[in-house]
Amino acid sequence: MAGTLYIVATPIGNLDDMTPRAAAAFGATDFVAAEDTRVTMRLLNHLGLKKPMVSYHEHALNRGEGILRRIEAGETCALCSDAGMPCISDPGEVIVRDALARGITVTPVPGASACVTALAVSGQDTSRWVFEGFLPAERRLRRKRLAALDGEMRTIIFYEAPHRLRGTLDELSAAFGGDRSITLCRELTKLHEEIWKTTLAEAAAHYAQAEPRGEYVLVMAGAPEASSADVPTPEEAAAHALALMREEGLSPSAAAKAAAQDTPYGKSEIYKLLLTLQEQDGGAE
């Protein structure tokens, strides 16, 4: 009979946040799958436990396959990341996906999560939010990701390392405007914990002079809702589509689609008005 895969949350900084159930899960399982066995060894030593461990960070090299086979053979496994809830912006998600596909029982042992902890103390809107994790390291992919978030009205959460914080703040400011509200949460639950609600411009200026230290969670406000005064009329959107055809050489269909974006109107509605405008304009292309 197959064993069980336990997904065990660990403290994100303060060891006193270890839950009794998480400690018990480590004690009861046959082996531990850790993101970094050195980090988890210190945690197990704190709990007074000794357990066989295997690293799962190289799942792409079939490390995860070995873990799943052991569970299928009847062993129980506690999977944990270096800190927080495993499988969130973490390669453990692949093991969970494969375990479920193979009919293995997956049981959560929940606890601290840096993104939710930061959101709760951010002072930003917590009713609707989106988690982006770490932005891509490659500049082209990073800018593409930020462009995809243009107009996103939900609160947006990023993770960032200290050596990349300055560049990220500069790019966020360029993409979303320096006056966009952001809360920087640094070293959560640790000795030097800091929570600072400010603007992107002020944060970028501060860290241009100050050295970033520790791990950061960035909780950025979403785009403000457009007021009714900012919404164009259907006729104005059609005129914009006609301008796009003339200035950028777009086809009527492509121009109507572009002009309808970020408006309450559909592409077909703008397209019909655009054709009418073309006729009135003498069939201008």
C-alpha atoms as a PDB file:
ATOM      1  CA  MET A   1       0.000   0.000   0.000  1.00  0.00           C
ATOM      2  CA  ALA A   2       1.348   3.408  -0.986  1.00  0.00           C
ATOM      3  CA  GLY A   3       2.420   5.867   1.667  1.00  0.00           C
ATOM      4  CA  THR A   4       1.547   9.557   1.960  1.00  0.00           C
ATOM      5  CA  LEU A   5       3.281  12.723   0.814  1.00  0.00           C
ATOM      6  CA  TYR A   6       3.004  15.416   3.487  1.00  0.00           C
ATOM      7  CA  ILE A   7       3.558  19.025   2.392  1.00  0.00           C
ATOM      8  CA  VAL A   8       4.937  20.594   5.565  1.00  0.00           C
ATOM      9  CA  ALA A   9       5.246  24.343   6.158  1.00  0.00           C
ATOM     10  CA  THR A  10       8.272  25.575   8.082  1.00  0.00           C
ATOM     11  CA  PRO A  11       8.940  28.964   9.726  1.00  0.00           C
ATOM     12  CA  ILE A  12       9.873  31.828   7.406  1.00  0.00           C
ATOM     13  CA  GLY A  13      12.302  33.185   9.981  1.00  0.00           C
ATOM     14  CA  ASN A  14      11.266  32.817  13.598  1.00  0.00           C
ATOM     15  CA  LEU A  15      11.582  29.207  14.768  1.00  0.00           C
ATOM     16  CA  ASP A  16       8.875  29.807  17.367  1.00  0.00           C
ATOM     17  CA  ASP A  17       6.414  29.799  14.462  1.00  0.00           C
ATOM     18  CA  MET A  18       6.896  26.058  13.977  1.00  0.00           C
ATOM     19  CA  THR A  19       3.509  24.449  14.583  1.00  0.00           C
ATOM     20  CA  PRO A  20       3.157  21.349  16.788  1.00  0.00           C
ATOM     21  CA  ARG A  21       1.532  19.503  13.890  1.00  0.00           C
ATOM     22  CA  ALA A  22       4.453  20.271  11.575  1.00  0.00           C
ATOM     23  CA  ALA A  23       6.930  19.040  14.176  1.00  0.00           C
ATOM     24  CA  ALA A  24       4.874  15.885  14.639  1.00  0.00           C
ATOM     25  CA  ALA A  25       4.771  15.305  10.878  1.00  0.00           C
ATOM     26  CA  PHE A  26       8.553  15.421  10.676  1.00  0.00           C
ATOM     27  CA  GLY A  27       8.777  12.992  13.575  1.00  0.00           C
ATOM     28  CA  ALA A  28       6.293  10.502  12.122  1.00  0.00           C
ATOM     29  CA  THR A  29       7.410  10.300   8.487  1.00  0.00           C
ATOM     30  CA  ASP A  30       9.955   7.818   7.154  1.00  0.00           C
ATOM     31  CA  PHE A  31      12.071  10.375   5.299  1.00  0.00           C
ATOM     32  CA  VAL A  32      12.235  14.088   4.470  1.00  0.00           C
ATOM     33  CA  ALA A  33      12.418  15.616   0.983  1.00  0.00           C
ATOM     34  CA  ALA A  34      14.067  19.003   1.422  1.00  0.00           C
ATOM     35  CA  GLU A  35      14.784  21.895  -0.918  1.00  0.00           C
ATOM     36  CA  ASP A  36      18.203  22.192   0.759  1.00  0.00           C
ATOM     37  CA  THR A  37      19.171  19.400   3.142  1.00  0.00           C
ATOM     38  CA  ARG A  38      21.631  21.659   5.000  1.00  0.00           C
ATOM     39  CA  VAL A  39      18.887  24.148   5.884  1.00  0.00           C
ATOM     40  CA  THR A  40      16.455  21.417   6.903  1.00  0.00           C
ATOM     41  CA  MET A  41      19.149  19.652   8.962  1.00  0.00           C
ATOM     42  CA  ARG A  42      19.387  22.728  11.189  1.00  0.00           C
ATOM     43  CA  LEU A  43      15.609  22.719  11.617  1.00  0.00           C
ATOM     44  CA  LEU A  44      15.506  19.018  12.503  1.00  0.00           C
ATOM     45  CA  ASN A  45      18.360  19.515  14.965  1.00  0.00           C
ATOM     46  CA  HIS A  46      16.310  22.275  16.605  1.00  0.00           C
ATOM     47  CA  LEU A  47      13.449  19.775  16.953  1.00  0.00           C
ATOM     48  CA  GLY A  48      15.781  17.052  18.240  1.00  0.00           C
ATOM     49  CA  LEU A  49      15.035  14.797  15.268  1.00  0.00           C
ATOM     50  CA  LYS A  50      17.160  12.679  12.963  1.00  0.00           C
ATOM     51  CA  LYS A  51      15.653  11.646   9.662  1.00  0.00           C
ATOM     52  CA  PRO A  52      16.927  10.332   6.332  1.00  0.00           C
ATOM     53  CA  MET A  53      16.842  13.200   3.848  1.00  0.00           C
ATOM     54  CA  VAL A  54      16.914  13.651   0.100  1.00  0.00           C
ATOM     55  CA  SER A  55      17.072  16.900  -1.859  1.00  0.00           C
ATOM     56  CA  TYR A  56      14.315  17.556  -4.384  1.00  0.00           C
ATOM     57  CA  HIS A  57      15.669  20.700  -6.047  1.00  0.00           C
ATOM     58  CA  GLU A  58      16.955  18.640  -8.973  1.00  0.00           C
ATOM     59  CA  HIS A  59      13.590  17.103  -9.812  1.00  0.00           C
ATOM     60  CA  ALA A  60      14.310  17.600 -13.500  1.00  0.00           C
ATOM     61  CA  LEU A  61      17.175  15.106 -13.076  1.00  0.00           C
ATOM     62  CA  ASN A  62      14.767  12.400 -11.809  1.00  0.00           C
ATOM     63  CA  ARG A  63      15.355  13.117  -8.123  1.00  0.00           C
ATOM     64  CA  GLY A  64      11.571  13.450  -7.758  1.00  0.00           C
ATOM     65  CA  GLU A  65      11.008  10.077  -9.405  1.00  0.00           C
ATOM     66  CA  GLY A  66      13.000   8.374  -6.676  1.00  0.00           C
ATOM     67  CA  ILE A  67      10.951  10.155  -3.996  1.00  0.00           C
ATOM     68  CA  LEU A  68       7.660   9.073  -5.555  1.00  0.00           C
ATOM     69  CA  ARG A  69       8.792   5.455  -5.955  1.00  0.00           C
ATOM     70  CA  ARG A  70       9.673   5.273  -2.279  1.00  0.00           C
ATOM     71  CA  ILE A  71       6.211   6.581  -1.375  1.00  0.00           C
ATOM     72  CA  GLU A  72       4.555   4.092  -3.746  1.00  0.00           C
ATOM     73  CA  ALA A  73       6.522   1.357  -1.988  1.00  0.00           C
ATOM     74  CA  GLY A  74       4.843   2.322   1.288  1.00  0.00           C
ATOM     75  CA  GLU A  75       7.061   4.992   2.858  1.00  0.00           C
ATOM     76  CA  THR A  76       5.738   8.325   4.099  1.00  0.00           C
ATOM     77  CA  CYS A  77       7.543  11.532   3.160  1.00  0.00           C
ATOM     78  CA  ALA A  78       7.552  15.062   4.576  1.00  0.00           C
ATOM     79  CA  LEU A  79       8.368  17.564   1.840  1.00  0.00           C
ATOM     80  CA  CYS A  80       9.555  20.998   2.967  1.00  0.00           C
ATOM     81  CA  SER A  81      11.161  24.065   1.428  1.00  0.00           C
ATOM     82  CA  ASP A  82      13.849  26.217   3.044  1.00  0.00           C
ATOM     83  CA  ALA A  83      11.158  28.444   4.559  1.00  0.00           C
ATOM     84  CA  GLY A  84       7.396  28.842   4.419  1.00  0.00           C
ATOM     85  CA  MET A  85       4.784  26.770   2.617  1.00  0.00           C
ATOM     86  CA  PRO A  86       6.397  24.369   0.131  1.00  0.00           C
ATOM     87  CA  CYS A  87       5.459  24.261  -3.542  1.00  0.00           C
ATOM     88  CA  ILE A  88       4.676  27.995  -3.740  1.00  0.00           C
ATOM     89  CA  SER A  89       7.146  29.430  -6.258  1.00  0.00           C
ATOM     90  CA  ASP A  90       9.134  26.273  -5.502  1.00  0.00           C
ATOM     91  CA  PRO A  91      10.098  23.162  -7.516  1.00  0.00           C
ATOM     92  CA  GLY A  92       8.179  20.969  -5.087  1.00  0.00           C
ATOM     93  CA  GLU A  93       5.052  21.808  -7.087  1.00  0.00           C
ATOM     94  CA  VAL A  94       6.198  19.348  -9.765  1.00  0.00           C
ATOM     95  CA  ILE A  95       6.430  16.508  -7.251  1.00  0.00           C
ATOM     96  CA  VAL A  96       2.908  17.267  -5.975  1.00  0.00           C
ATOM     97  CA  ARG A  97       1.537  17.322  -9.513  1.00  0.00           C
ATOM     98  CA  ASP A  98       3.170  14.005 -10.346  1.00  0.00           C
ATOM     99  CA  ALA A  99       2.111  12.451  -7.022  1.00  0.00           C
ATOM    100  CA  LEU A 100      -1.540  13.332  -7.639  1.00  0.00           C
ATOM    101  CA  ALA A 101      -1.336  11.978 -11.192  1.00  0.00           C
ATOM    102  CA  ARG A 102      -0.064   8.661  -9.782  1.00  0.00           C
ATOM    103  CA  GLY A 103      -2.811   8.413  -7.175  1.00  0.00           C
ATOM    104  CA  ILE A 104      -0.561   9.157  -4.186  1.00  0.00           C
ATOM    105  CA  THR A 105      -2.263  10.793  -1.212  1.00  0.00           C
ATOM    106  CA  VAL A 106      -1.000  14.348  -0.694  1.00  0.00           C
ATOM    107  CA  THR A 107      -1.726  15.915   2.717  1.00  0.00           C
ATOM    108  CA  PRO A 108      -1.029  19.575   3.575  1.00  0.00           C
ATOM    109  CA  VAL A 109       0.422  20.570   6.941  1.00  0.00           C
ATOM    110  CA  PRO A 110      -0.052  24.340   6.596  1.00  0.00           C
ATOM    111  CA  GLY A 111       1.773  27.186   8.249  1.00  0.00           C
ATOM    112  CA  ALA A 112       3.550  30.424   7.472  1.00  0.00           C
ATOM    113  CA  SER A 113       3.783  31.760   3.921  1.00  0.00           C
ATOM    114  CA  ALA A 114       5.809  34.883   3.165  1.00  0.00           C
ATOM    115  CA  CYS A 115       3.438  36.223   0.501  1.00  0.00           C
ATOM    116  CA  VAL A 116       0.307  35.963   2.667  1.00  0.00           C
ATOM    117  CA  THR A 117       2.143  37.259   5.741  1.00  0.00           C
ATOM    118  CA  ALA A 118       3.341  40.315   3.801  1.00  0.00           C
ATOM    119  CA  LEU A 119      -0.087  40.927   2.296  1.00  0.00           C
ATOM    120  CA  ALA A 120      -1.726  40.912   5.724  1.00  0.00           C
ATOM    121  CA  VAL A 121       0.529  43.686   7.044  1.00  0.00           C
ATOM    122  CA  SER A 122       0.938  45.658   3.798  1.00  0.00           C
ATOM    123  CA  GLY A 123      -1.909  48.119   4.165  1.00  0.00           C
ATOM    124  CA  GLN A 124      -2.792  47.387   0.538  1.00  0.00           C
ATOM    125  CA  ASP A 125      -6.120  46.009  -0.701  1.00  0.00           C
ATOM    126  CA  THR A 126      -6.313  42.366   0.399  1.00  0.00           C
ATOM    127  CA  SER A 127      -9.680  41.482  -1.161  1.00  0.00           C
ATOM    128  CA  ARG A 128      -8.225  40.527  -4.551  1.00  0.00           C
ATOM    129  CA  TRP A 129      -4.562  39.866  -5.265  1.00  0.00           C
ATOM    130  CA  VAL A 130      -2.208  38.098  -7.641  1.00  0.00           C
ATOM    131  CA  PHE A 131       1.124  36.419  -6.823  1.00  0.00           C
ATOM    132  CA  GLU A 132       3.958  36.910  -9.315  1.00  0.00           C
ATOM    133  CA  GLY A 133       6.848  35.531  -7.265  1.00  0.00           C
ATOM    134  CA  PHE A 134      10.312  36.261  -8.660  1.00  0.00           C
ATOM    135  CA  LEU A 135      10.446  38.140 -11.942  1.00  0.00           C
ATOM    136  CA  PRO A 136      12.543  36.514 -14.706  1.00  0.00           C
ATOM    137  CA  ALA A 137      16.258  37.266 -14.564  1.00  0.00           C
ATOM    138  CA  GLU A 138      16.467  37.952 -18.313  1.00  0.00           C
ATOM    139  CA  ARG A 139      15.583  41.570 -19.046  1.00  0.00           C
ATOM    140  CA  ARG A 140      13.481  40.816 -22.128  1.00  0.00           C
ATOM    141  CA  LEU A 141      11.331  38.276 -20.297  1.00  0.00           C
ATOM    142  CA  ARG A 142      11.069  40.552 -17.251  1.00  0.00           C
ATOM    143  CA  ARG A 143       9.760  43.446 -19.307  1.00  0.00           C
ATOM    144  CA  LYS A 144       7.337  41.142 -21.095  1.00  0.00           C
ATOM    145  CA  ARG A 145       5.979  39.980 -17.711  1.00  0.00           C
ATOM    146  CA  LEU A 146       5.578  43.569 -16.494  1.00  0.00           C
ATOM    147  CA  ALA A 147       3.859  44.576 -19.719  1.00  0.00           C
ATOM    148  CA  ALA A 148       1.360  41.749 -19.173  1.00  0.00           C
ATOM    149  CA  LEU A 149       0.508  43.295 -15.792  1.00  0.00           C
ATOM    150  CA  ASP A 150      -0.348  46.679 -17.289  1.00  0.00           C
ATOM    151  CA  GLY A 151      -3.856  47.552 -16.158  1.00  0.00           C
ATOM    152  CA  GLU A 152      -3.954  44.806 -13.494  1.00  0.00           C
ATOM    153  CA  MET A 153      -6.239  46.160 -10.776  1.00  0.00           C
ATOM    154  CA  ARG A 154      -5.580  43.467  -8.171  1.00  0.00           C
ATOM    155  CA  THR A 155      -2.824  43.895  -5.593  1.00  0.00           C
ATOM    156  CA  ILE A 156       0.392  42.357  -6.983  1.00  0.00           C
ATOM    157  CA  ILE A 157       2.962  40.474  -4.880  1.00  0.00           C
ATOM    158  CA  PHE A 158       6.589  39.942  -5.913  1.00  0.00           C
ATOM    159  CA  TYR A 159       9.546  38.235  -4.235  1.00  0.00           C
ATOM    160  CA  GLU A 160      12.969  39.817  -4.656  1.00  0.00           C
ATOM    161  CA  ALA A 161      16.555  39.187  -3.589  1.00  0.00           C
ATOM    162  CA  PRO A 162      18.604  42.084  -2.196  1.00  0.00           C
ATOM    163  CA  HIS A 163      21.106  42.205  -5.063  1.00  0.00           C
ATOM    164  CA  ARG A 164      18.283  42.696  -7.602  1.00  0.00           C
ATOM    165  CA  LEU A 165      16.038  45.022  -5.604  1.00  0.00           C
ATOM    166  CA  ARG A 166      17.335  48.326  -7.010  1.00  0.00           C
ATOM    167  CA  GLY A 167      16.879  47.272 -10.619  1.00  0.00           C
ATOM    168  CA  THR A 168      13.443  45.841  -9.921  1.00  0.00           C
ATOM    169  CA  LEU A 169      12.222  49.028  -8.237  1.00  0.00           C
ATOM    170  CA  ASP A 170      13.470  51.091 -11.179  1.00  0.00           C
ATOM    171  CA  GLU A 171      11.670  48.854 -13.662  1.00  0.00           C
ATOM    172  CA  LEU A 172       8.453  48.776 -11.637  1.00  0.00           C
ATOM    173  CA  SER A 173       8.515  52.573 -11.429  1.00  0.00           C
ATOM    174  CA  ALA A 174       9.040  52.866 -15.180  1.00  0.00           C
ATOM    175  CA  ALA A 175       6.272  50.367 -15.918  1.00  0.00           C
ATOM    176  CA  PHE A 176       3.607  51.511 -13.455  1.00  0.00           C
ATOM    177  CA  GLY A 177       4.533  55.079 -12.507  1.00  0.00           C
ATOM    178  CA  GLY A 178       6.487  56.409  -9.565  1.00  0.00           C
ATOM    179  CA  ASP A 179       3.378  57.354  -7.604  1.00  0.00           C
ATOM    180  CA  ARG A 180       2.100  53.735  -7.421  1.00  0.00           C
ATOM    181  CA  SER A 181       1.796  52.604  -3.789  1.00  0.00           C
ATOM    182  CA  ILE A 182       4.019  49.737  -2.656  1.00  0.00           C
ATOM    183  CA  THR A 183       4.832  48.070   0.655  1.00  0.00           C
ATOM    184  CA  LEU A 184       8.311  46.614   1.091  1.00  0.00           C
ATOM    185  CA  CYS A 185       8.425  43.800   3.646  1.00  0.00           C
ATOM    186  CA  ARG A 186      11.956  42.837   4.621  1.00  0.00           C
ATOM    187  CA  GLU A 187      13.159  39.927   6.776  1.00  0.00           C
ATOM    188  CA  LEU A 188       9.645  38.998   7.911  1.00  0.00           C
ATOM    189  CA  THR A 189       9.454  37.487  11.444  1.00  0.00           C
ATOM    190  CA  LYS A 190      13.226  37.925  11.875  1.00  0.00           C
ATOM    191  CA  LEU A 191      15.219  40.234  14.139  1.00  0.00           C
ATOM    192  CA  HIS A 192      15.503  43.031  11.570  1.00  0.00           C
ATOM    193  CA  GLU A 193      11.945  42.830  10.241  1.00  0.00           C
ATOM    194  CA  GLU A 194      10.870  45.988   8.427  1.00  0.00           C
ATOM    195  CA  ILE A 195       7.531  46.903   6.838  1.00  0.00           C
ATOM    196  CA  TRP A 196       7.507  50.141   4.843  1.00  0.00           C
ATOM    197  CA  LYS A 197       4.543  51.455   2.862  1.00  0.00           C
ATOM    198  CA  THR A 198       5.618  54.093   0.370  1.00  0.00           C
ATOM    199  CA  THR A 199       5.610  54.796  -3.374  1.00  0.00           C
ATOM    200  CA  LEU A 200       7.728  53.228  -6.088  1.00  0.00           C
ATOM    201  CA  ALA A 201       9.578  56.502  -6.684  1.00  0.00           C
ATOM    202  CA  GLU A 202      10.387  56.978  -2.995  1.00  0.00           C
ATOM    203  CA  ALA A 203      11.484  53.361  -2.626  1.00  0.00           C
ATOM    204  CA  ALA A 204      13.742  53.582  -5.676  1.00  0.00           C
ATOM    205  CA  ALA A 205      15.294  56.841  -4.407  1.00  0.00           C
ATOM    206  CA  HIS A 206      15.852  55.383  -0.930  1.00  0.00           C
ATOM    207  CA  TYR A 207      17.596  52.257  -2.161  1.00  0.00           C
ATOM    208  CA  ALA A 208      19.699  54.206  -4.622  1.00  0.00           C
ATOM    209  CA  GLN A 209      21.489  55.403  -1.462  1.00  0.00           C
ATOM    210  CA  ALA A 210      20.853  52.569   1.032  1.00  0.00           C
ATOM    211  CA  GLU A 211      22.176  49.040   0.646  1.00  0.00           C
ATOM    212  CA  PRO A 212      19.358  46.469   0.328  1.00  0.00           C
ATOM    213  CA  ARG A 213      19.688  43.737   2.956  1.00  0.00           C
ATOM    214  CA  GLY A 214      17.719  40.553   3.459  1.00  0.00           C
ATOM    215  CA  GLU A 215      14.934  38.960   1.458  1.00  0.00           C
ATOM    216  CA  TYR A 216      12.060  41.167   0.293  1.00  0.00           C
ATOM    217  CA  VAL A 217       8.367  40.711  -0.403  1.00  0.00           C
ATOM    218  CA  LEU A 218       6.991  43.585  -2.486  1.00  0.00           C
ATOM    219  CA  VAL A 219       3.249  44.218  -2.219  1.00  0.00           C
ATOM    220  CA  MET A 220       2.241  46.696  -4.916  1.00  0.00           C
ATOM    221  CA  ALA A 221      -1.159  48.325  -5.316  1.00  0.00           C
ATOM    222  CA  GLY A 222      -3.070  47.466  -8.461  1.00  0.00           C
ATOM    223  CA  ALA A 223      -3.972  49.986 -11.147  1.00  0.00           C
ATOM    224  CA  PRO A 224      -6.688  52.425 -10.101  1.00  0.00           C
ATOM    225  CA  GLU A 225     -10.101  51.883 -11.619  1.00  0.00           C
ATOM    226  CA  ALA A 226     -10.742  54.199 -14.521  1.00  0.00           C
ATOM    227  CA  SER A 227     -13.329  56.852 -13.830  1.00  0.00           C
ATOM    228  CA  SER A 228     -16.236  57.279 -16.224  1.00  0.00           C
ATOM    229  CA  ALA A 229     -14.547  60.424 -17.520  1.00  0.00           C
ATOM    230  CA  ASP A 230     -11.566  58.329 -18.639  1.00  0.00           C
ATOM    231  CA  VAL A 231     -13.660  55.862 -20.662  1.00  0.00           C
ATOM    232  CA  PRO A 232     -13.910  56.863 -24.342  1.00  0.00           C
ATOM    233  CA  THR A 233     -17.215  56.773 -26.182  1.00  0.00           C
ATOM    234  CA  PRO A 234     -17.626  54.078 -28.861  1.00  0.00           C
ATOM    235  CA  GLU A 235     -17.214  56.789 -31.501  1.00  0.00           C
ATOM    236  CA  GLU A 236     -13.959  57.977 -29.904  1.00  0.00           C
ATOM    237  CA  ALA A 237     -12.668  54.405 -29.823  1.00  0.00           C
ATOM    238  CA  ALA A 238     -13.511  54.006 -33.513  1.00  0.00           C
ATOM    239  CA  ALA A 239     -11.683  57.249 -34.303  1.00  0.00           C
ATOM    240  CA  HIS A 240      -8.690  55.900 -32.412  1.00  0.00           C
ATOM    241  CA  ALA A 241      -8.856  52.738 -34.525  1.00  0.00           C
ATOM    242  CA  LEU A 242      -8.872  54.824 -37.704  1.00  0.00           C
ATOM    243  CA  ALA A 243      -5.807  56.708 -36.473  1.00  0.00           C
ATOM    244  CA  LEU A 244      -4.050  53.402 -35.791  1.00  0.00           C
ATOM    245  CA  MET A 245      -4.722  52.290 -39.366  1.00  0.00           C
ATOM    246  CA  ARG A 246      -3.230  55.478 -40.752  1.00  0.00           C
ATOM    247  CA  GLU A 247      -0.265  55.838 -38.419  1.00  0.00           C
ATOM    248  CA  GLU A 248       0.721  52.203 -37.869  1.00  0.00           C
ATOM    249  CA  GLY A 249      -0.641  50.528 -40.965  1.00  0.00           C
ATOM    250  CA  LEU A 250      -2.928  48.165 -39.055  1.00  0.00           C
ATOM    251  CA  SER A 251      -5.738  46.317 -40.778  1.00  0.00           C
ATOM    252  CA  PRO A 252      -9.299  47.362 -39.811  1.00  0.00           C
ATOM    253  CA  SER A 253      -9.710  44.207 -37.749  1.00  0.00           C
ATOM    254  CA  ALA A 254      -6.409  44.661 -35.886  1.00  0.00           C
ATOM    255  CA  ALA A 255      -7.073  48.369 -35.327  1.00  0.00           C
ATOM    256  CA  ALA A 256     -10.553  47.682 -33.935  1.00  0.00           C
ATOM    257  CA  LYS A 257      -9.141  45.040 -31.591  1.00  0.00           C
ATOM    258  CA  ALA A 258      -6.417  47.387 -30.327  1.00  0.00           C
ATOM    259  CA  ALA A 259      -8.823  50.301 -29.854  1.00  0.00           C
ATOM    260  CA  ALA A 260     -11.331  48.129 -27.956  1.00  0.00           C
ATOM    261  CA  GLN A 261      -8.715  47.032 -25.454  1.00  0.00           C
ATOM    262  CA  ASP A 262      -9.211  48.495 -21.961  1.00  0.00           C
ATOM    263  CA  THR A 263     -12.685  49.754 -22.924  1.00  0.00           C
ATOM    264  CA  PRO A 264     -16.128  48.313 -22.144  1.00  0.00           C
ATOM    265  CA  TYR A 265     -16.741  47.753 -25.860  1.00  0.00           C
ATOM    266  CA  GLY A 266     -16.224  44.680 -27.973  1.00  0.00           C
ATOM    267  CA  LYS A 267     -14.049  44.474 -31.062  1.00  0.00           C
ATOM    268  CA  SER A 268     -17.067  43.909 -33.350  1.00  0.00           C
ATOM    269  CA  GLU A 269     -18.817  47.059 -32.096  1.00  0.00           C
ATOM    270  CA  ILE A 270     -15.743  49.200 -32.771  1.00  0.00           C
ATOM    271  CA  TYR A 271     -15.188  47.476 -36.124  1.00  0.00           C
ATOM    272  CA  LYS A 272     -18.677  48.405 -37.377  1.00  0.00           C
ATOM    273  CA  LEU A 273     -18.236  52.032 -36.325  1.00  0.00           C
ATOM    274  CA  LEU A 274     -14.788  52.040 -37.924  1.00  0.00           C
ATOM    275  CA  LEU A 275     -16.227  50.930 -41.269  1.00  0.00           C
ATOM    276  CA  THR A 276     -18.781  53.746 -41.040  1.00  0.00           C
ATOM    277  CA  LEU A 277     -15.996  56.260 -40.335  1.00  0.00           C
ATOM    278  CA  GLN A 278     -14.021  54.958 -43.315  1.00  0.00           C
ATOM    279  CA  GLU A 279     -17.014  55.479 -45.590  1.00  0.00           C
ATOM    280  CA  GLN A 280     -17.547  58.985 -44.268  1.00  0.00           C
ATOM    281  CA  ASP A 281     -13.844  59.686 -44.693  1.00  0.00           C
ATOM    282  CA  GLY A 282     -13.910  58.656 -48.298  1.00  0.00           C
ATOM    283  CA  GLY A 283     -12.717  55.089 -47.778  1.00  0.00           C
ATOM    284  CA  ALA A 284      -9.398  56.079 -46.214  1.00  0.00           C
ATOM    285  CA  GLU A 285      -7.199  53.097 -45.465  1.00  0.00           C
END
